[in-house]
Amino acid sequence: MLTTNVNVPDYTFQKSIEKNFGINRGIYNRIDEWFFEQGIQDVMTRRQVIVEFSNFVVESKMKMGTSARTRFGHGGLVKRLNDFWNVRPFVIEEAIK
């Protein structure tokens, strides 16, 4: 499991996500927005959930034996976000408290 310091400026955090998980700025922004829309309004908590989601995606890629840049395809990002939301309820419950 990769970790990222969530207590840094936004640009630094996003670049860390890109470096560690291969998620570019545009996708990162959409992920951030999606979690905000789900009720995770605290920035630090949302960043922690983004790291957890990124690890979730990387774990899935490793099981499939791929290691290239993270790609989701058409509609794939929202599907993965929903998968994460449903599979990792303990993370979500803590985040929206």
PDB file of N, CA and C in Angstrom:
ATOM      1  N   MET A   1       0.847  -1.180   0.000  1.00  0.00           N
ATOM      2  CA  MET A   1       0.000   0.000   0.000  1.00  0.00           C
ATOM      3  C   MET A   1       0.889   1.238   0.000  1.00  0.00           C
ATOM      4  N   LEU A   2       0.655   2.091  -0.964  1.00  0.00           N
ATOM      5  CA  LEU A   2       1.404   3.339  -1.055  1.00  0.00           C
ATOM      6  C   LEU A   2       0.718   4.400  -0.208  1.00  0.00           C
ATOM      7  N   THR A   3       1.508   5.283   0.374  1.00  0.00           N
ATOM      8  CA  THR A   3       0.954   6.383   1.155  1.00  0.00           C
ATOM      9  C   THR A   3       1.434   7.704   0.574  1.00  0.00           C
ATOM     10  N   THR A   4       0.671   8.724   0.823  1.00  0.00           N
ATOM     11  CA  THR A   4       0.990  10.060   0.351  1.00  0.00           C
ATOM     12  C   THR A   4       0.659  11.037   1.468  1.00  0.00           C
ATOM     13  N   ASN A   5       1.527  12.010   1.693  1.00  0.00           N
ATOM     14  CA  ASN A   5       1.283  13.030   2.705  1.00  0.00           C
ATOM     15  C   ASN A   5       0.117  13.903   2.252  1.00  0.00           C
ATOM     16  N   VAL A   6      -0.946  13.939   3.049  1.00  0.00           N
ATOM     17  CA  VAL A   6      -2.117  14.733   2.678  1.00  0.00           C
ATOM     18  C   VAL A   6      -2.033  16.167   3.183  1.00  0.00           C
ATOM     19  N   ASN A   7      -1.046  16.464   3.997  1.00  0.00           N
ATOM     20  CA  ASN A   7      -0.926  17.789   4.604  1.00  0.00           C
ATOM     21  C   ASN A   7       0.092  18.647   3.860  1.00  0.00           C
ATOM     22  N   VAL A   8      -0.121  18.801   2.565  1.00  0.00           N
ATOM     23  CA  VAL A   8       0.744  19.596   1.693  1.00  0.00           C
ATOM     24  C   VAL A   8      -0.144  20.448   0.791  1.00  0.00           C
ATOM     25  N   PRO A   9       0.417  21.440   0.085  1.00  0.00           N
ATOM     26  CA  PRO A   9      -0.388  22.220  -0.860  1.00  0.00           C
ATOM     27  C   PRO A   9      -1.012  21.326  -1.936  1.00  0.00           C
ATOM     28  N   ASP A  10      -2.121  21.794  -2.503  1.00  0.00           N
ATOM     29  CA  ASP A  10      -2.886  21.010  -3.472  1.00  0.00           C
ATOM     30  C   ASP A  10      -2.029  20.515  -4.634  1.00  0.00           C
ATOM     31  N   TYR A  11      -1.240  21.398  -5.219  1.00  0.00           N
ATOM     32  CA  TYR A  11      -0.415  21.018  -6.373  1.00  0.00           C
ATOM     33  C   TYR A  11       0.563  19.904  -5.997  1.00  0.00           C
ATOM     34  N   THR A  12       1.182  20.023  -4.832  1.00  0.00           N
ATOM     35  CA  THR A  12       2.139  19.020  -4.364  1.00  0.00           C
ATOM     36  C   THR A  12       1.441  17.684  -4.134  1.00  0.00           C
ATOM     37  N   PHE A  13       0.248  17.726  -3.542  1.00  0.00           N
ATOM     38  CA  PHE A  13      -0.507  16.493  -3.304  1.00  0.00           C
ATOM     39  C   PHE A  13      -0.875  15.833  -4.626  1.00  0.00           C
ATOM     40  N   GLN A  14      -1.377  16.619  -5.574  1.00  0.00           N
ATOM     41  CA  GLN A  14      -1.774  16.054  -6.864  1.00  0.00           C
ATOM     42  C   GLN A  14      -0.576  15.449  -7.579  1.00  0.00           C
ATOM     43  N   LYS A  15       0.556  16.123  -7.557  1.00  0.00           N
ATOM     44  CA  LYS A  15       1.760  15.595  -8.209  1.00  0.00           C
ATOM     45  C   LYS A  15       2.207  14.290  -7.551  1.00  0.00           C
ATOM     46  N   SER A  16       2.044  14.190  -6.250  1.00  0.00           N
ATOM     47  CA  SER A  16       2.375  12.959  -5.540  1.00  0.00           C
ATOM     48  C   SER A  16       1.454  11.818  -5.979  1.00  0.00           C
ATOM     49  N   ILE A  17       0.180  12.113  -6.156  1.00  0.00           N
ATOM     50  CA  ILE A  17      -0.780  11.112  -6.652  1.00  0.00           C
ATOM     51  C   ILE A  17      -0.382  10.671  -8.055  1.00  0.00           C
ATOM     52  N   GLU A  18       0.008  11.634  -8.888  1.00  0.00           N
ATOM     53  CA  GLU A  18       0.422  11.299 -10.254  1.00  0.00           C
ATOM     54  C   GLU A  18       1.677  10.426 -10.246  1.00  0.00           C
ATOM     55  N   LYS A  19       2.648  10.793  -9.433  1.00  0.00           N
ATOM     56  CA  LYS A  19       3.906  10.043  -9.373  1.00  0.00           C
ATOM     57  C   LYS A  19       3.697   8.632  -8.822  1.00  0.00           C
ATOM     58  N   ASN A  20       2.945   8.515  -7.741  1.00  0.00           N
ATOM     59  CA  ASN A  20       2.773   7.226  -7.071  1.00  0.00           C
ATOM     60  C   ASN A  20       1.741   6.313  -7.716  1.00  0.00           C
ATOM     61  N   PHE A  21       0.716   6.902  -8.340  1.00  0.00           N
ATOM     62  CA  PHE A  21      -0.392   6.100  -8.833  1.00  0.00           C
ATOM     63  C   PHE A  21      -0.662   6.255 -10.329  1.00  0.00           C
ATOM     64  N   GLY A  22       0.001   7.191 -10.985  1.00  0.00           N
ATOM     65  CA  GLY A  22      -0.201   7.382 -12.418  1.00  0.00           C
ATOM     66  C   GLY A  22      -1.525   8.031 -12.774  1.00  0.00           C
ATOM     67  N   ILE A  23      -2.088   8.811 -11.850  1.00  0.00           N
ATOM     68  CA  ILE A  23      -3.376   9.479 -12.078  1.00  0.00           C
ATOM     69  C   ILE A  23      -3.102  10.945 -12.388  1.00  0.00           C
ATOM     70  N   ASN A  24      -3.463  11.379 -13.603  1.00  0.00           N
ATOM     71  CA  ASN A  24      -3.147  12.748 -14.018  1.00  0.00           C
ATOM     72  C   ASN A  24      -4.076  13.775 -13.366  1.00  0.00           C
ATOM     73  N   ARG A  25      -3.752  15.042 -13.557  1.00  0.00           N
ATOM     74  CA  ARG A  25      -4.464  16.148 -12.895  1.00  0.00           C
ATOM     75  C   ARG A  25      -5.962  16.159 -13.212  1.00  0.00           C
ATOM     76  N   GLY A  26      -6.314  15.960 -14.462  1.00  0.00           N
ATOM     77  CA  GLY A  26      -7.727  15.980 -14.839  1.00  0.00           C
ATOM     78  C   GLY A  26      -8.523  14.885 -14.152  1.00  0.00           C
ATOM     79  N   ILE A  27      -7.980  13.679 -14.129  1.00  0.00           N
ATOM     80  CA  ILE A  27      -8.645  12.559 -13.465  1.00  0.00           C
ATOM     81  C   ILE A  27      -8.682  12.802 -11.955  1.00  0.00           C
ATOM     82  N   TYR A  28      -7.576  13.293 -11.413  1.00  0.00           N
ATOM     83  CA  TYR A  28      -7.528  13.615  -9.978  1.00  0.00           C
ATOM     84  C   TYR A  28      -8.641  14.604  -9.616  1.00  0.00           C
ATOM     85  N   ASN A  29      -8.805  15.654 -10.420  1.00  0.00           N
ATOM     86  CA  ASN A  29      -9.835  16.660 -10.145  1.00  0.00           C
ATOM     87  C   ASN A  29     -11.224  16.040 -10.163  1.00  0.00           C
ATOM     88  N   ARG A  30     -11.468  15.136 -11.104  1.00  0.00           N
ATOM     89  CA  ARG A  30     -12.779  14.480 -11.187  1.00  0.00           C
ATOM     90  C   ARG A  30     -13.010  13.570  -9.977  1.00  0.00           C
ATOM     91  N   ILE A  31     -11.960  12.858  -9.549  1.00  0.00           N
ATOM     92  CA  ILE A  31     -12.063  12.003  -8.361  1.00  0.00           C
ATOM     93  C   ILE A  31     -12.378  12.858  -7.135  1.00  0.00           C
ATOM     94  N   ASP A  32     -11.657  13.959  -6.974  1.00  0.00           N
ATOM     95  CA  ASP A  32     -11.865  14.877  -5.856  1.00  0.00           C
ATOM     96  C   ASP A  32     -13.298  15.402  -5.859  1.00  0.00           C
ATOM     97  N   GLU A  33     -13.770  15.822  -7.016  1.00  0.00           N
ATOM     98  CA  GLU A  33     -15.131  16.339  -7.149  1.00  0.00           C
ATOM     99  C   GLU A  33     -16.163  15.263  -6.805  1.00  0.00           C
ATOM    100  N   TRP A  34     -15.943  14.039  -7.287  1.00  0.00           N
ATOM    101  CA  TRP A  34     -16.884  12.941  -7.051  1.00  0.00           C
ATOM    102  C   TRP A  34     -17.032  12.665  -5.557  1.00  0.00           C
ATOM    103  N   PHE A  35     -15.910  12.594  -4.837  1.00  0.00           N
ATOM    104  CA  PHE A  35     -15.990  12.342  -3.396  1.00  0.00           C
ATOM    105  C   PHE A  35     -16.649  13.513  -2.669  1.00  0.00           C
ATOM    106  N   PHE A  36     -16.402  14.732  -3.121  1.00  0.00           N
ATOM    107  CA  PHE A  36     -17.070  15.898  -2.537  1.00  0.00           C
ATOM    108  C   PHE A  36     -18.582  15.773  -2.716  1.00  0.00           C
ATOM    109  N   GLU A  37     -19.004  15.388  -3.916  1.00  0.00           N
ATOM    110  CA  GLU A  37     -20.428  15.226  -4.209  1.00  0.00           C
ATOM    111  C   GLU A  37     -21.059  14.108  -3.380  1.00  0.00           C
ATOM    112  N   GLN A  38     -20.258  13.155  -2.942  1.00  0.00           N
ATOM    113  CA  GLN A  38     -20.762  12.057  -2.116  1.00  0.00           C
ATOM    114  C   GLN A  38     -20.868  12.442  -0.645  1.00  0.00           C
ATOM    115  N   GLY A  39     -20.428  13.647  -0.300  1.00  0.00           N
ATOM    116  CA  GLY A  39     -20.580  14.138   1.065  1.00  0.00           C
ATOM    117  C   GLY A  39     -19.300  14.273   1.862  1.00  0.00           C
ATOM    118  N   ILE A  40     -18.161  13.981   1.250  1.00  0.00           N
ATOM    119  CA  ILE A  40     -16.885  14.125   1.958  1.00  0.00           C
ATOM    120  C   ILE A  40     -16.383  15.545   1.703  1.00  0.00           C
ATOM    121  N   GLN A  41     -16.763  16.460   2.579  1.00  0.00           N
ATOM    122  CA  GLN A  41     -16.476  17.868   2.345  1.00  0.00           C
ATOM    123  C   GLN A  41     -15.154  18.339   2.937  1.00  0.00           C
ATOM    124  N   ASP A  42     -14.672  17.678   3.981  1.00  0.00           N
ATOM    125  CA  ASP A  42     -13.401  18.058   4.588  1.00  0.00           C
ATOM    126  C   ASP A  42     -12.253  17.691   3.647  1.00  0.00           C
ATOM    127  N   VAL A  43     -11.420  18.666   3.303  1.00  0.00           N
ATOM    128  CA  VAL A  43     -10.355  18.467   2.313  1.00  0.00           C
ATOM    129  C   VAL A  43      -9.369  17.388   2.743  1.00  0.00           C
ATOM    130  N   MET A  44      -8.911  17.422   3.982  1.00  0.00           N
ATOM    131  CA  MET A  44      -7.923  16.439   4.437  1.00  0.00           C
ATOM    132  C   MET A  44      -8.505  15.029   4.419  1.00  0.00           C
ATOM    133  N   THR A  45      -9.743  14.897   4.859  1.00  0.00           N
ATOM    134  CA  THR A  45     -10.395  13.586   4.838  1.00  0.00           C
ATOM    135  C   THR A  45     -10.559  13.104   3.409  1.00  0.00           C
ATOM    136  N   ARG A  46     -10.960  14.015   2.520  1.00  0.00           N
ATOM    137  CA  ARG A  46     -11.141  13.647   1.115  1.00  0.00           C
ATOM    138  C   ARG A  46      -9.825  13.198   0.508  1.00  0.00           C
ATOM    139  N   ARG A  47      -8.737  13.853   0.858  1.00  0.00           N
ATOM    140  CA  ARG A  47      -7.425  13.445   0.354  1.00  0.00           C
ATOM    141  C   ARG A  47      -7.066  12.044   0.845  1.00  0.00           C
ATOM    142  N   GLN A  48      -7.373  11.750   2.097  1.00  0.00           N
ATOM    143  CA  GLN A  48      -7.101  10.411   2.623  1.00  0.00           C
ATOM    144  C   GLN A  48      -7.899   9.361   1.857  1.00  0.00           C
ATOM    145  N   VAL A  49      -9.148   9.682   1.542  1.00  0.00           N
ATOM    146  CA  VAL A  49      -9.986   8.755   0.780  1.00  0.00           C
ATOM    147  C   VAL A  49      -9.462   8.625  -0.648  1.00  0.00           C
ATOM    148  N   ILE A  50      -8.964   9.705  -1.228  1.00  0.00           N
ATOM    149  CA  ILE A  50      -8.374   9.646  -2.572  1.00  0.00           C
ATOM    150  C   ILE A  50      -7.167   8.714  -2.574  1.00  0.00           C
ATOM    151  N   VAL A  51      -6.340   8.783  -1.550  1.00  0.00           N
ATOM    152  CA  VAL A  51      -5.190   7.871  -1.452  1.00  0.00           C
ATOM    153  C   VAL A  51      -5.685   6.434  -1.327  1.00  0.00           C
ATOM    154  N   GLU A  52      -6.701   6.212  -0.506  1.00  0.00           N
ATOM    155  CA  GLU A  52      -7.262   4.861  -0.345  1.00  0.00           C
ATOM    156  C   GLU A  52      -7.840   4.357  -1.671  1.00  0.00           C
ATOM    157  N   PHE A  53      -8.560   5.229  -2.388  1.00  0.00           N
ATOM    158  CA  PHE A  53      -9.102   4.853  -3.697  1.00  0.00           C
ATOM    159  C   PHE A  53      -7.970   4.537  -4.670  1.00  0.00           C
ATOM    160  N   SER A  54      -6.932   5.341  -4.664  1.00  0.00           N
ATOM    161  CA  SER A  54      -5.795   5.123  -5.563  1.00  0.00           C
ATOM    162  C   SER A  54      -5.129   3.782  -5.276  1.00  0.00           C
ATOM    163  N   ASN A  55      -4.989   3.443  -4.011  1.00  0.00           N
ATOM    164  CA  ASN A  55      -4.454   2.129  -3.646  1.00  0.00           C
ATOM    165  C   ASN A  55      -5.382   1.012  -4.117  1.00  0.00           C
ATOM    166  N   PHE A  56      -6.679   1.224  -4.009  1.00  0.00           N
ATOM    167  CA  PHE A  56      -7.678   0.264  -4.477  1.00  0.00           C
ATOM    168  C   PHE A  56      -7.495  -0.005  -5.972  1.00  0.00           C
ATOM    169  N   VAL A  57      -7.289   1.049  -6.738  1.00  0.00           N
ATOM    170  CA  VAL A  57      -7.091   0.914  -8.182  1.00  0.00           C
ATOM    171  C   VAL A  57      -5.779   0.187  -8.477  1.00  0.00           C
ATOM    172  N   VAL A  58      -4.713   0.559  -7.779  1.00  0.00           N
ATOM    173  CA  VAL A  58      -3.400  -0.061  -7.993  1.00  0.00           C
ATOM    174  C   VAL A  58      -3.440  -1.544  -7.625  1.00  0.00           C
ATOM    175  N   GLU A  59      -4.100  -1.885  -6.521  1.00  0.00           N
ATOM    176  CA  GLU A  59      -4.217  -3.289  -6.118  1.00  0.00           C
ATOM    177  C   GLU A  59      -4.899  -4.101  -7.212  1.00  0.00           C
ATOM    178  N   SER A  60      -5.951  -3.539  -7.796  1.00  0.00           N
ATOM    179  CA  SER A  60      -6.667  -4.227  -8.875  1.00  0.00           C
ATOM    180  C   SER A  60      -5.767  -4.418 -10.091  1.00  0.00           C
ATOM    181  N   LYS A  61      -4.990  -3.385 -10.422  1.00  0.00           N
ATOM    182  CA  LYS A  61      -4.075  -3.478 -11.567  1.00  0.00           C
ATOM    183  C   LYS A  61      -3.019  -4.548 -11.325  1.00  0.00           C
ATOM    184  N   MET A  62      -2.516  -4.633 -10.102  1.00  0.00           N
ATOM    185  CA  MET A  62      -1.485  -5.614  -9.784  1.00  0.00           C
ATOM    186  C   MET A  62      -2.036  -7.034  -9.908  1.00  0.00           C
ATOM    187  N   LYS A  63      -3.289  -7.232  -9.519  1.00  0.00           N
ATOM    188  CA  LYS A  63      -3.914  -8.551  -9.639  1.00  0.00           C
ATOM    189  C   LYS A  63      -4.039  -8.965 -11.099  1.00  0.00           C
ATOM    190  N   MET A  64      -4.218  -7.971 -11.982  1.00  0.00           N
ATOM    191  CA  MET A  64      -4.335  -8.258 -13.415  1.00  0.00           C
ATOM    192  C   MET A  64      -2.972  -8.312 -14.090  1.00  0.00           C
ATOM    193  N   GLY A  65      -1.925  -7.977 -13.349  1.00  0.00           N
ATOM    194  CA  GLY A  65      -0.573  -8.043 -13.892  1.00  0.00           C
ATOM    195  C   GLY A  65      -0.179  -6.880 -14.775  1.00  0.00           C
ATOM    196  N   THR A  66      -0.854  -5.746 -14.628  1.00  0.00           N
ATOM    197  CA  THR A  66      -0.505  -4.558 -15.408  1.00  0.00           C
ATOM    198  C   THR A  66       0.146  -3.525 -14.498  1.00  0.00           C
ATOM    199  N   SER A  67       1.043  -2.751 -15.064  1.00  0.00           N
ATOM    200  CA  SER A  67       1.716  -1.736 -14.246  1.00  0.00           C
ATOM    201  C   SER A  67       1.849  -0.408 -14.971  1.00  0.00           C
ATOM    202  N   ALA A  68       1.214  -0.282 -16.105  1.00  0.00           N
ATOM    203  CA  ALA A  68       1.301   0.958 -16.882  1.00  0.00           C
ATOM    204  C   ALA A  68       0.519   2.070 -16.185  1.00  0.00           C
ATOM    205  N   ARG A  69       0.571   3.242 -16.780  1.00  0.00           N
ATOM    206  CA  ARG A  69      -0.156   4.408 -16.284  1.00  0.00           C
ATOM    207  C   ARG A  69      -1.630   4.049 -16.069  1.00  0.00           C
ATOM    208  N   THR A  70      -2.230   4.604 -15.040  1.00  0.00           N
ATOM    209  CA  THR A  70      -3.618   4.302 -14.719  1.00  0.00           C
ATOM    210  C   THR A  70      -4.541   4.879 -15.784  1.00  0.00           C
ATOM    211  N   ARG A  71      -5.339   4.000 -16.378  1.00  0.00           N
ATOM    212  CA  ARG A  71      -6.326   4.404 -17.383  1.00  0.00           C
ATOM    213  C   ARG A  71      -7.669   3.814 -16.996  1.00  0.00           C
ATOM    214  N   PHE A  72      -8.719   4.572 -17.246  1.00  0.00           N
ATOM    215  CA  PHE A  72     -10.044   4.115 -16.861  1.00  0.00           C
ATOM    216  C   PHE A  72     -10.950   3.840 -18.056  1.00  0.00           C
ATOM    217  N   GLY A  73     -10.731   4.493 -19.182  1.00  0.00           N
ATOM    218  CA  GLY A  73     -11.593   4.306 -20.341  1.00  0.00           C
ATOM    219  C   GLY A  73     -12.923   5.023 -20.163  1.00  0.00           C
ATOM    220  N   HIS A  74     -13.730   5.000 -21.211  1.00  0.00           N
ATOM    221  CA  HIS A  74     -15.017   5.694 -21.212  1.00  0.00           C
ATOM    222  C   HIS A  74     -15.937   5.105 -20.140  1.00  0.00           C
ATOM    223  N   GLY A  75     -16.332   5.925 -19.181  1.00  0.00           N
ATOM    224  CA  GLY A  75     -17.219   5.491 -18.110  1.00  0.00           C
ATOM    225  C   GLY A  75     -16.539   4.672 -17.029  1.00  0.00           C
ATOM    226  N   GLY A  76     -15.274   4.359 -17.225  1.00  0.00           N
ATOM    227  CA  GLY A  76     -14.567   3.492 -16.291  1.00  0.00           C
ATOM    228  C   GLY A  76     -14.268   4.124 -14.945  1.00  0.00           C
ATOM    229  N   LEU A  77     -14.015   5.427 -14.939  1.00  0.00           N
ATOM    230  CA  LEU A  77     -13.684   6.092 -13.678  1.00  0.00           C
ATOM    231  C   LEU A  77     -14.866   6.042 -12.718  1.00  0.00           C
ATOM    232  N   VAL A  78     -16.036   6.400 -13.186  1.00  0.00           N
ATOM    233  CA  VAL A  78     -17.217   6.395 -12.316  1.00  0.00           C
ATOM    234  C   VAL A  78     -17.523   4.974 -11.853  1.00  0.00           C
ATOM    235  N   LYS A  79     -17.331   3.996 -12.729  1.00  0.00           N
ATOM    236  CA  LYS A  79     -17.534   2.599 -12.339  1.00  0.00           C
ATOM    237  C   LYS A  79     -16.585   2.223 -11.208  1.00  0.00           C
ATOM    238  N   ARG A  80     -15.312   2.584 -11.342  1.00  0.00           N
ATOM    239  CA  ARG A  80     -14.326   2.257 -10.299  1.00  0.00           C
ATOM    240  C   ARG A  80     -14.638   2.992  -8.995  1.00  0.00           C
ATOM    241  N   LEU A  81     -15.068   4.250  -9.102  1.00  0.00           N
ATOM    242  CA  LEU A  81     -15.445   5.004  -7.906  1.00  0.00           C
ATOM    243  C   LEU A  81     -16.618   4.329  -7.196  1.00  0.00           C
ATOM    244  N   ASN A  82     -17.611   3.908  -7.965  1.00  0.00           N
ATOM    245  CA  ASN A  82     -18.753   3.207  -7.374  1.00  0.00           C
ATOM    246  C   ASN A  82     -18.338   1.872  -6.771  1.00  0.00           C
ATOM    247  N   ASP A  83     -17.461   1.137  -7.445  1.00  0.00           N
ATOM    248  CA  ASP A  83     -16.949  -0.128  -6.898  1.00  0.00           C
ATOM    249  C   ASP A  83     -16.284   0.122  -5.550  1.00  0.00           C
ATOM    250  N   PHE A  84     -15.419   1.118  -5.511  1.00  0.00           N
ATOM    251  CA  PHE A  84     -14.718   1.467  -4.271  1.00  0.00           C
ATOM    252  C   PHE A  84     -15.717   1.857  -3.187  1.00  0.00           C
ATOM    253  N   TRP A  85     -16.677   2.692  -3.554  1.00  0.00           N
ATOM    254  CA  TRP A  85     -17.675   3.194  -2.608  1.00  0.00           C
ATOM    255  C   TRP A  85     -18.440   2.029  -1.979  1.00  0.00           C
ATOM    256  N   ASN A  86     -18.726   1.003  -2.773  1.00  0.00           N
ATOM    257  CA  ASN A  86     -19.494  -0.143  -2.291  1.00  0.00           C
ATOM    258  C   ASN A  86     -18.637  -1.191  -1.581  1.00  0.00           C
ATOM    259  N   VAL A  87     -17.376  -1.330  -1.972  1.00  0.00           N
ATOM    260  CA  VAL A  87     -16.505  -2.366  -1.417  1.00  0.00           C
ATOM    261  C   VAL A  87     -15.817  -1.910  -0.140  1.00  0.00           C
ATOM    262  N   ARG A  88     -15.562  -0.644  -0.005  1.00  0.00           N
ATOM    263  CA  ARG A  88     -14.817  -0.130   1.149  1.00  0.00           C
ATOM    264  C   ARG A  88     -15.687   0.745   2.054  1.00  0.00           C
ATOM    265  N   PRO A  89     -16.811   0.217   2.545  1.00  0.00           N
ATOM    266  CA  PRO A  89     -17.720   1.071   3.333  1.00  0.00           C
ATOM    267  C   PRO A  89     -17.108   1.612   4.618  1.00  0.00           C
ATOM    268  N   PHE A  90     -16.173   0.885   5.235  1.00  0.00           N
ATOM    269  CA  PHE A  90     -15.563   1.373   6.476  1.00  0.00           C
ATOM    270  C   PHE A  90     -14.788   2.661   6.243  1.00  0.00           C
ATOM    271  N   VAL A  91     -14.151   2.780   5.110  1.00  0.00           N
ATOM    272  CA  VAL A  91     -13.418   4.009   4.776  1.00  0.00           C
ATOM    273  C   VAL A  91     -14.405   5.147   4.586  1.00  0.00           C
ATOM    274  N   ILE A  92     -15.477   4.869   3.885  1.00  0.00           N
ATOM    275  CA  ILE A  92     -16.468   5.890   3.566  1.00  0.00           C
ATOM    276  C   ILE A  92     -17.195   6.354   4.828  1.00  0.00           C
ATOM    277  N   GLU A  93     -17.608   5.414   5.668  1.00  0.00           N
ATOM    278  CA  GLU A  93     -18.327   5.779   6.888  1.00  0.00           C
ATOM    279  C   GLU A  93     -17.502   6.719   7.757  1.00  0.00           C
ATOM    280  N   GLU A  94     -16.227   6.433   7.900  1.00  0.00           N
ATOM    281  CA  GLU A  94     -15.347   7.295   8.691  1.00  0.00           C
ATOM    282  C   GLU A  94     -15.198   8.670   8.045  1.00  0.00           C
ATOM    283  N   ALA A  95     -15.170   8.711   6.731  1.00  0.00           N
ATOM    284  CA  ALA A  95     -14.915   9.958   6.007  1.00  0.00           C
ATOM    285  C   ALA A  95     -16.072  10.936   6.086  1.00  0.00           C
ATOM    286  N   ILE A  96     -17.300  10.439   6.130  1.00  0.00           N
ATOM    287  CA  ILE A  96     -18.435  11.363   6.095  1.00  0.00           C
ATOM    288  C   ILE A  96     -18.997  11.660   7.484  1.00  0.00           C
ATOM    289  N   LYS A  97     -18.328  11.204   8.520  1.00  0.00           N
ATOM    290  CA  LYS A  97     -18.757  11.524   9.896  1.00  0.00           C
ATOM    291  C   LYS A  97     -18.498  12.977  10.210  1.00  0.00           C
TER     292      LYS A  97
END
